[in-house]
N, C-alpha and C. Protein backbone atom coordinates (compact mmCIF):
# COMPACT_ATOMS: atom_id res chain seq x y z
N MET A 1 -30.88 -4.22 34.07
CA MET A 1 -30.92 -3.88 35.47
C MET A 1 -31.85 -4.88 36.15
N ASP A 2 -31.36 -5.46 37.22
CA ASP A 2 -32.17 -6.45 37.92
C ASP A 2 -32.58 -5.94 39.30
N ARG A 3 -33.29 -6.77 40.02
CA ARG A 3 -33.82 -6.40 41.33
C ARG A 3 -32.70 -5.94 42.28
N ASP A 4 -31.59 -6.67 42.28
CA ASP A 4 -30.47 -6.31 43.16
C ASP A 4 -29.90 -4.94 42.83
N ASP A 5 -29.83 -4.60 41.54
CA ASP A 5 -29.36 -3.27 41.13
C ASP A 5 -30.28 -2.18 41.68
N ILE A 6 -31.58 -2.41 41.57
CA ILE A 6 -32.56 -1.41 42.04
C ILE A 6 -32.46 -1.24 43.55
N ILE A 7 -32.34 -2.34 44.28
CA ILE A 7 -32.21 -2.26 45.74
C ILE A 7 -30.93 -1.53 46.11
N ARG A 8 -29.83 -1.84 45.40
CA ARG A 8 -28.55 -1.17 45.67
C ARG A 8 -28.68 0.34 45.45
N MET A 9 -29.35 0.74 44.36
CA MET A 9 -29.52 2.17 44.07
C MET A 9 -30.43 2.83 45.10
N ALA A 10 -31.45 2.14 45.56
CA ALA A 10 -32.32 2.70 46.60
C ALA A 10 -31.54 2.90 47.89
N ASP A 11 -30.70 1.92 48.24
CA ASP A 11 -29.86 2.05 49.43
C ASP A 11 -28.89 3.22 49.28
N GLU A 12 -28.30 3.35 48.10
CA GLU A 12 -27.37 4.45 47.84
C GLU A 12 -28.09 5.79 47.96
N ALA A 13 -29.27 5.88 47.38
CA ALA A 13 -30.04 7.13 47.41
C ALA A 13 -30.47 7.50 48.82
N SER A 14 -30.68 6.49 49.66
CA SER A 14 -31.15 6.76 51.02
C SER A 14 -30.01 7.09 51.97
N GLY A 15 -28.82 7.23 51.44
CA GLY A 15 -27.67 7.55 52.28
C GLY A 15 -27.10 6.34 52.98
N GLY A 16 -27.36 5.18 52.43
CA GLY A 16 -26.79 3.96 52.98
C GLY A 16 -27.67 3.28 54.02
N ARG A 17 -28.85 3.83 54.26
CA ARG A 17 -29.75 3.14 55.19
C ARG A 17 -30.28 1.89 54.51
N PRO A 18 -30.00 0.72 55.04
CA PRO A 18 -30.46 -0.51 54.37
C PRO A 18 -31.97 -0.65 54.46
N ALA A 19 -32.52 -1.35 53.49
CA ALA A 19 -33.96 -1.62 53.49
C ALA A 19 -34.28 -2.55 54.65
N ASP A 20 -35.41 -2.32 55.29
CA ASP A 20 -35.87 -3.26 56.30
C ASP A 20 -36.96 -4.12 55.66
N GLY A 21 -37.72 -4.83 56.45
CA GLY A 21 -38.76 -5.68 55.91
C GLY A 21 -39.85 -4.92 55.19
N TRP A 22 -39.95 -3.61 55.44
CA TRP A 22 -40.99 -2.79 54.83
C TRP A 22 -40.49 -2.05 53.60
N GLY A 23 -39.20 -2.03 53.41
CA GLY A 23 -38.64 -1.32 52.26
C GLY A 23 -37.77 -0.17 52.72
N VAL A 24 -37.48 0.73 51.80
CA VAL A 24 -36.65 1.90 52.09
C VAL A 24 -37.53 3.13 52.03
N MET A 25 -37.42 3.96 53.04
CA MET A 25 -38.17 5.23 53.03
C MET A 25 -37.25 6.32 52.49
N LEU A 26 -37.72 7.02 51.46
CA LEU A 26 -36.93 8.09 50.85
C LEU A 26 -37.68 9.40 50.97
N ASP A 27 -36.95 10.46 51.33
CA ASP A 27 -37.57 11.78 51.28
C ASP A 27 -37.51 12.27 49.83
N HIS A 28 -38.02 13.45 49.57
CA HIS A 28 -38.08 13.94 48.19
C HIS A 28 -36.70 14.03 47.54
N GLN A 29 -35.74 14.54 48.27
CA GLN A 29 -34.38 14.68 47.74
C GLN A 29 -33.78 13.30 47.43
N GLN A 30 -33.99 12.36 48.31
CA GLN A 30 -33.46 11.02 48.10
C GLN A 30 -34.19 10.33 46.94
N LEU A 31 -35.49 10.58 46.82
CA LEU A 31 -36.25 10.01 45.72
C LEU A 31 -35.75 10.55 44.38
N GLU A 32 -35.43 11.85 44.33
CA GLU A 32 -34.86 12.43 43.11
C GLU A 32 -33.52 11.78 42.79
N ARG A 33 -32.71 11.55 43.81
CA ARG A 33 -31.42 10.89 43.61
C ARG A 33 -31.62 9.47 43.08
N PHE A 34 -32.57 8.75 43.65
CA PHE A 34 -32.88 7.39 43.20
C PHE A 34 -33.30 7.40 41.73
N ALA A 35 -34.18 8.31 41.36
CA ALA A 35 -34.63 8.42 39.97
C ALA A 35 -33.45 8.73 39.05
N ALA A 36 -32.54 9.60 39.50
CA ALA A 36 -31.36 9.94 38.69
C ALA A 36 -30.45 8.72 38.51
N LEU A 37 -30.29 7.92 39.55
CA LEU A 37 -29.47 6.71 39.45
C LEU A 37 -30.08 5.72 38.47
N ILE A 38 -31.39 5.55 38.53
CA ILE A 38 -32.08 4.64 37.62
C ILE A 38 -31.92 5.14 36.17
N ALA A 39 -32.16 6.44 35.97
CA ALA A 39 -32.05 7.00 34.61
C ALA A 39 -30.63 6.85 34.07
N ALA A 40 -29.63 7.09 34.90
CA ALA A 40 -28.23 6.97 34.47
C ALA A 40 -27.92 5.51 34.09
N ALA A 41 -28.42 4.57 34.87
CA ALA A 41 -28.19 3.16 34.57
C ALA A 41 -28.86 2.78 33.25
N GLU A 42 -30.05 3.28 33.01
CA GLU A 42 -30.75 2.99 31.75
C GLU A 42 -30.03 3.63 30.56
N ARG A 43 -29.56 4.87 30.72
CA ARG A 43 -28.80 5.52 29.64
C ARG A 43 -27.55 4.71 29.32
N LYS A 44 -26.85 4.25 30.35
CA LYS A 44 -25.64 3.46 30.15
C LYS A 44 -25.96 2.17 29.39
N ALA A 45 -27.05 1.51 29.75
CA ALA A 45 -27.44 0.27 29.07
C ALA A 45 -27.77 0.52 27.60
N VAL A 46 -28.47 1.62 27.32
CA VAL A 46 -28.82 1.94 25.94
C VAL A 46 -27.57 2.28 25.14
N LEU A 47 -26.67 3.05 25.72
CA LEU A 47 -25.43 3.39 25.02
C LEU A 47 -24.60 2.14 24.74
N GLN A 48 -24.58 1.20 25.67
CA GLN A 48 -23.86 -0.05 25.43
C GLN A 48 -24.51 -0.83 24.29
N ALA A 49 -25.83 -0.82 24.23
CA ALA A 49 -26.54 -1.51 23.15
C ALA A 49 -26.23 -0.86 21.81
N ILE A 50 -26.21 0.46 21.77
CA ILE A 50 -25.88 1.17 20.52
C ILE A 50 -24.47 0.80 20.08
N GLU A 51 -23.54 0.79 21.01
CA GLU A 51 -22.16 0.44 20.68
C GLU A 51 -22.07 -0.99 20.16
N ALA A 52 -22.82 -1.90 20.76
CA ALA A 52 -22.82 -3.30 20.31
C ALA A 52 -23.38 -3.41 18.90
N VAL A 53 -24.47 -2.71 18.61
CA VAL A 53 -25.06 -2.75 17.27
C VAL A 53 -24.08 -2.16 16.26
N TYR A 54 -23.49 -1.05 16.60
CA TYR A 54 -22.53 -0.40 15.71
C TYR A 54 -21.37 -1.34 15.38
N THR A 55 -20.81 -1.95 16.43
CA THR A 55 -19.68 -2.87 16.24
C THR A 55 -20.09 -4.08 15.42
N LEU A 56 -21.24 -4.65 15.72
CA LEU A 56 -21.73 -5.81 14.99
C LEU A 56 -21.92 -5.50 13.51
N GLU A 57 -22.56 -4.37 13.23
CA GLU A 57 -22.82 -4.01 11.84
C GLU A 57 -21.53 -3.68 11.09
N GLU A 58 -20.62 -3.01 11.77
CA GLU A 58 -19.35 -2.65 11.13
C GLU A 58 -18.54 -3.90 10.80
N ASP A 59 -18.56 -4.88 11.72
CA ASP A 59 -17.83 -6.13 11.49
C ASP A 59 -18.51 -6.97 10.41
N ARG A 60 -19.82 -6.96 10.39
CA ARG A 60 -20.59 -7.80 9.47
C ARG A 60 -20.61 -7.23 8.07
N ASN A 61 -20.63 -5.91 7.96
CA ASN A 61 -20.83 -5.28 6.66
C ASN A 61 -19.79 -4.19 6.44
N PRO A 62 -18.75 -4.46 5.66
CA PRO A 62 -17.70 -3.45 5.44
C PRO A 62 -18.23 -2.20 4.73
N MET A 63 -19.38 -2.28 4.11
CA MET A 63 -19.98 -1.13 3.43
C MET A 63 -21.03 -0.47 4.33
N PHE A 64 -20.80 -0.55 5.63
CA PHE A 64 -21.71 -0.02 6.65
C PHE A 64 -22.18 1.37 6.24
N SER A 65 -23.45 1.54 6.12
CA SER A 65 -24.06 2.76 5.61
C SER A 65 -23.72 3.99 6.45
N ASP A 66 -23.34 5.07 5.74
CA ASP A 66 -23.09 6.34 6.43
C ASP A 66 -24.36 6.84 7.10
N GLY A 67 -25.49 6.60 6.48
CA GLY A 67 -26.77 7.02 7.08
C GLY A 67 -27.05 6.31 8.38
N TYR A 68 -26.75 5.02 8.42
CA TYR A 68 -26.94 4.22 9.62
C TYR A 68 -26.00 4.70 10.72
N LYS A 69 -24.73 4.95 10.35
CA LYS A 69 -23.75 5.48 11.32
C LYS A 69 -24.22 6.81 11.87
N TYR A 70 -24.71 7.67 10.98
CA TYR A 70 -25.19 8.99 11.39
C TYR A 70 -26.36 8.85 12.37
N ALA A 71 -27.30 7.97 12.06
CA ALA A 71 -28.47 7.79 12.93
C ALA A 71 -28.05 7.30 14.32
N LEU A 72 -27.16 6.31 14.38
CA LEU A 72 -26.68 5.82 15.67
C LEU A 72 -25.94 6.91 16.43
N ASN A 73 -25.16 7.70 15.72
CA ASN A 73 -24.43 8.79 16.35
C ASN A 73 -25.39 9.83 16.93
N GLN A 74 -26.44 10.15 16.19
CA GLN A 74 -27.42 11.13 16.66
C GLN A 74 -28.16 10.62 17.90
N ILE A 75 -28.51 9.34 17.89
CA ILE A 75 -29.18 8.75 19.06
C ILE A 75 -28.26 8.80 20.27
N GLU A 76 -27.00 8.43 20.05
CA GLU A 76 -26.02 8.46 21.14
C GLU A 76 -25.85 9.87 21.69
N THR A 77 -25.76 10.85 20.81
CA THR A 77 -25.61 12.25 21.23
C THR A 77 -26.81 12.70 22.05
N PHE A 78 -28.00 12.34 21.61
CA PHE A 78 -29.22 12.70 22.32
C PHE A 78 -29.24 12.09 23.72
N ILE A 79 -28.89 10.82 23.82
CA ILE A 79 -28.91 10.12 25.12
C ILE A 79 -27.88 10.74 26.07
N ARG A 80 -26.68 11.03 25.55
CA ARG A 80 -25.65 11.66 26.41
C ARG A 80 -26.11 13.04 26.87
N ALA A 81 -26.77 13.78 26.00
CA ALA A 81 -27.27 15.11 26.38
C ALA A 81 -28.31 15.01 27.49
N ARG A 82 -29.13 13.96 27.45
CA ARG A 82 -30.13 13.76 28.50
C ARG A 82 -29.45 13.61 29.86
N GLY A 83 -28.26 13.05 29.88
CA GLY A 83 -27.54 12.89 31.13
C GLY A 83 -26.97 14.19 31.67
N GLN A 84 -26.93 15.22 30.84
CA GLN A 84 -26.40 16.52 31.26
C GLN A 84 -27.49 17.44 31.79
N GLU A 85 -28.75 17.06 31.60
CA GLU A 85 -29.88 17.92 32.03
C GLU A 85 -30.02 17.94 33.52
């Protein structure tokens, strides 16, 4: 996530009010929305990283450990559950 992503999410959370030279003013509800957007973007990035590691290991090692698969699956399940809270 880069600076432009954060600014876009702040604009989205503020109901489309663009940032001025001072920044974006968010009320409590908008700030919660902004935090939720940031958290969702971070969860998505972590899930993509897990998928990349899984694919890389599976391609590299045909004897890919069941324990390793289980651990990645558990991490993925935990992260997805965090998005449901």
